[in-house]
Amino acid sequence: MRVFLNPGHALGGNPDPGCVNSRYHLRECDLAITYGSLCGKYLEAAGLEVKLLQSHNLYGEAPGYPCVVDAANRWPADLFLSIHVNAGGGRGAETYCYNFGGSGEKLAHCIQRQLVESLAPIDGGYADRGVKAHPSFCVLRNTTMPAVLVETGFIDSDDIGLLTQHGDEIARALARGVTDYEQQQ
């Protein structure tokens, strides 16, 4: 199986770092690349092929930078995972798929389940925010393979301890979600 990993936002944070927690000097782009890189290593160890691309050019809106959707479709990947960190004061994980009823939803449930089962025992406040359909997300709408976008936690809440001290657990949970999905195929 070929897995395309897309840690959210711009490589190095310029021009788009994603969500920022100024108090702790944390940026979404940095957390996402950490989780994505570790996840990729675990997936490769499980025998899967992995490509990773962090770029703020999702579907041609930033010419001159690698285009995420085109790269995933051209490879071609068997599945697509975009890794993010949320903001807005909530807690926990939520995973998005294009619509309900397909392979993307199955992948989303596998990833969501692994994140919650791995992180909630560490921090009882880490919430299962569920699997949600979001057809307007560009990376879900324009990729040609099952695709999900996962929000691993909230950078501006008490999730910060999990996000900064348990990145390896997050990466392992993401990888296990992918391999759980692979086993169902």
Protein backbone atom coordinates (compact mmCIF):
# COMPACT_ATOMS: atom_id res chain seq x y z
CA MET A 1 0.00 0.00 0.00
CA ARG A 2 1.20 3.48 -0.87
CA VAL A 3 0.49 6.17 1.73
CA PHE A 4 0.79 9.89 1.00
CA LEU A 5 1.35 11.94 4.16
CA ASN A 6 0.66 15.66 4.15
CA PRO A 7 1.70 17.45 7.35
CA GLY A 8 -0.34 20.63 7.33
CA HIS A 9 0.76 24.10 6.27
CA ALA A 10 4.03 25.48 4.93
CA LEU A 11 7.37 23.78 5.39
CA GLY A 12 9.27 25.94 7.85
CA GLY A 13 6.13 28.00 8.51
CA ASN A 14 6.68 30.57 5.76
CA PRO A 15 4.27 31.96 4.65
CA ASP A 16 1.70 29.81 6.51
CA PRO A 17 2.54 28.26 9.89
CA GLY A 18 -1.06 27.24 10.58
CA CYS A 19 -2.32 27.63 14.15
CA VAL A 20 0.08 29.27 16.58
CA ASN A 21 0.37 29.25 20.35
CA SER A 22 2.49 32.34 21.00
CA ARG A 23 2.73 31.72 24.73
CA TYR A 24 4.57 28.43 24.20
CA HIS A 25 6.16 29.35 20.83
CA LEU A 26 4.40 26.47 19.08
CA ARG A 27 3.33 26.31 15.47
CA GLU A 28 1.04 23.81 13.82
CA CYS A 29 3.44 23.30 10.90
CA ASP A 30 6.21 22.15 13.26
CA LEU A 31 4.02 19.73 15.21
CA ALA A 32 2.49 18.35 12.02
CA ILE A 33 5.86 17.64 10.36
CA THR A 34 7.07 15.91 13.53
CA TYR A 35 4.02 13.63 13.64
CA GLY A 36 4.10 13.04 9.90
CA SER A 37 7.80 12.15 9.80
CA LEU A 38 7.49 9.73 12.70
CA CYS A 39 4.30 8.23 11.28
CA GLY A 40 6.05 7.68 7.96
CA LYS A 41 8.86 5.77 9.66
CA TYR A 42 6.37 3.51 11.44
CA LEU A 43 4.45 2.87 8.23
CA GLU A 44 7.66 2.02 6.36
CA ALA A 45 8.63 -0.36 9.17
CA ALA A 46 5.24 -2.04 8.64
CA GLY A 47 6.11 -2.55 4.96
CA LEU A 48 4.12 0.31 3.41
CA GLU A 49 5.46 2.79 0.84
CA VAL A 50 5.33 6.39 2.04
CA LYS A 51 5.68 9.82 0.46
CA LEU A 52 5.56 12.94 2.60
CA LEU A 53 5.00 16.48 1.38
CA GLN A 54 4.45 19.58 3.49
CA SER A 55 3.44 22.52 1.32
CA HIS A 56 0.94 25.36 1.50
CA ASN A 57 0.16 24.78 -2.19
CA LEU A 58 -2.73 22.37 -1.85
CA TYR A 59 -4.30 22.67 -5.29
CA GLY A 60 -2.47 25.30 -7.30
CA GLU A 61 -3.11 28.37 -5.13
CA ALA A 62 0.61 28.94 -4.46
CA PRO A 63 2.47 28.43 -7.75
CA GLY A 64 6.16 27.84 -7.31
CA TYR A 65 5.63 25.45 -4.42
CA PRO A 66 4.97 21.70 -4.74
CA CYS A 67 1.26 20.96 -5.20
CA VAL A 68 0.03 18.46 -2.61
CA VAL A 69 -3.02 17.14 -4.47
CA ASP A 70 -1.20 16.79 -7.79
CA ALA A 71 1.72 14.98 -6.14
CA ALA A 72 -0.59 12.51 -4.36
CA ASN A 73 -2.64 11.83 -7.50
CA ARG A 74 0.41 11.53 -9.74
CA TRP A 75 2.30 9.09 -7.51
CA PRO A 76 -0.44 7.46 -7.30
CA ALA A 77 -1.15 6.95 -3.61
CA ASP A 78 -3.55 4.33 -2.30
CA LEU A 79 -4.55 6.61 0.55
CA PHE A 80 -3.98 10.19 1.65
CA LEU A 81 -3.54 11.47 5.21
CA SER A 82 -3.33 15.19 6.00
CA ILE A 83 -2.11 15.84 9.55
CA HIS A 84 -3.11 18.97 11.45
CA VAL A 85 -3.47 20.61 14.85
CA ASN A 86 -6.64 22.48 15.69
CA ALA A 87 -7.34 25.77 17.49
CA GLY A 88 -10.40 27.39 18.95
CA GLY A 89 -10.39 26.24 22.54
CA GLY A 90 -11.76 22.72 22.20
CA ARG A 91 -10.14 19.46 23.22
CA GLY A 92 -9.44 16.20 21.46
CA ALA A 93 -9.25 14.70 18.00
CA GLU A 94 -11.55 14.90 15.01
CA THR A 95 -11.06 13.28 11.64
CA TYR A 96 -12.60 14.44 8.39
CA CYS A 97 -13.49 12.51 5.26
CA TYR A 98 -15.04 13.71 2.01
CA ASN A 99 -18.39 11.99 2.63
CA PHE A 100 -19.94 9.16 4.58
CA GLY A 101 -20.35 5.69 3.22
CA GLY A 102 -17.03 5.11 1.48
CA SER A 103 -13.44 4.09 2.01
CA GLY A 104 -12.50 7.55 3.26
CA GLU A 105 -14.97 7.21 6.12
CA LYS A 106 -13.57 3.77 7.00
CA LEU A 107 -10.04 5.18 7.08
CA ALA A 108 -11.22 8.13 9.19
CA HIS A 109 -12.83 5.81 11.77
CA CYS A 110 -9.65 3.70 12.00
CA ILE A 111 -7.49 6.76 12.64
CA GLN A 112 -9.95 8.43 15.02
CA ARG A 113 -10.31 5.25 17.08
CA GLN A 114 -6.54 4.81 17.41
CA LEU A 115 -5.97 8.43 18.46
CA VAL A 116 -8.65 8.35 21.13
CA GLU A 117 -7.69 4.90 22.44
CA SER A 118 -4.03 5.95 22.65
CA LEU A 119 -4.35 9.45 24.11
CA ALA A 120 -7.48 9.48 26.30
CA PRO A 121 -5.87 7.15 28.89
CA ILE A 122 -2.97 9.60 29.17
CA ASP A 123 -5.29 12.61 29.56
CA GLY A 124 -8.94 12.00 30.46
CA GLY A 125 -9.92 15.39 29.03
CA TYR A 126 -8.87 14.40 25.51
CA ALA A 127 -12.20 14.15 23.70
CA ASP A 128 -13.44 11.99 20.88
CA ARG A 129 -14.85 14.71 18.61
CA GLY A 130 -15.75 12.10 16.01
CA VAL A 131 -15.56 11.53 12.30
CA LYS A 132 -17.09 14.27 10.18
CA ALA A 133 -17.78 14.73 6.48
CA HIS A 134 -16.30 17.89 4.99
CA PRO A 135 -16.51 17.86 1.18
CA SER A 136 -15.23 21.44 0.90
CA PHE A 137 -11.73 20.58 2.13
CA CYS A 138 -9.59 20.79 -0.99
CA VAL A 139 -7.39 17.81 -0.15
CA LEU A 140 -10.44 15.61 0.40
CA ARG A 141 -12.34 16.86 -2.63
CA ASN A 142 -9.52 16.74 -5.19
CA THR A 143 -7.56 13.61 -4.32
CA THR A 144 -8.42 10.44 -6.25
CA MET A 145 -7.87 7.99 -3.39
CA PRO A 146 -9.46 7.55 0.06
CA ALA A 147 -8.41 10.66 1.95
CA VAL A 148 -8.72 12.03 5.46
CA LEU A 149 -7.69 15.17 7.31
CA VAL A 150 -7.03 14.64 11.00
CA GLU A 151 -6.94 17.30 13.70
CA THR A 152 -4.83 15.67 16.42
CA GLY A 153 -5.67 18.12 19.20
CA PHE A 154 -5.98 21.81 20.07
CA ILE A 155 -2.84 23.93 20.28
CA ASP A 156 -4.65 26.51 22.46
CA SER A 157 -6.07 24.21 25.14
CA ASP A 158 -5.01 21.67 27.73
CA ASP A 159 -4.26 19.32 24.80
CA ILE A 160 -0.91 21.12 24.58
CA GLY A 161 0.71 18.61 26.96
CA LEU A 162 -0.26 15.72 24.71
CA LEU A 163 0.75 17.58 21.57
CA THR A 164 4.21 18.48 22.88
CA GLN A 165 5.09 15.54 25.15
CA HIS A 166 3.38 12.64 23.38
CA GLY A 167 4.16 13.21 19.71
CA ASP A 168 5.45 9.67 19.37
CA GLU A 169 2.15 8.27 20.66
CA ILE A 170 0.28 10.49 18.19
CA ALA A 171 2.45 9.28 15.29
CA ARG A 172 2.07 5.64 16.32
CA ALA A 173 -1.71 6.05 16.59
CA LEU A 174 -1.86 7.56 13.10
CA ALA A 175 0.23 4.70 11.71
CA ARG A 176 -1.88 2.06 13.49
CA GLY A 177 -5.02 3.68 12.07
CA VAL A 178 -3.59 3.31 8.57
CA THR A 179 -2.55 -0.31 9.13
CA ASP A 180 -5.95 -1.11 10.68
CA TYR A 181 -7.55 0.24 7.49
CA GLU A 182 -5.12 -1.76 5.32
CA GLN A 183 -6.08 -4.97 7.13
CA GLN A 184 -9.76 -4.32 6.37
CA GLN A 185 -9.09 -4.12 2.62
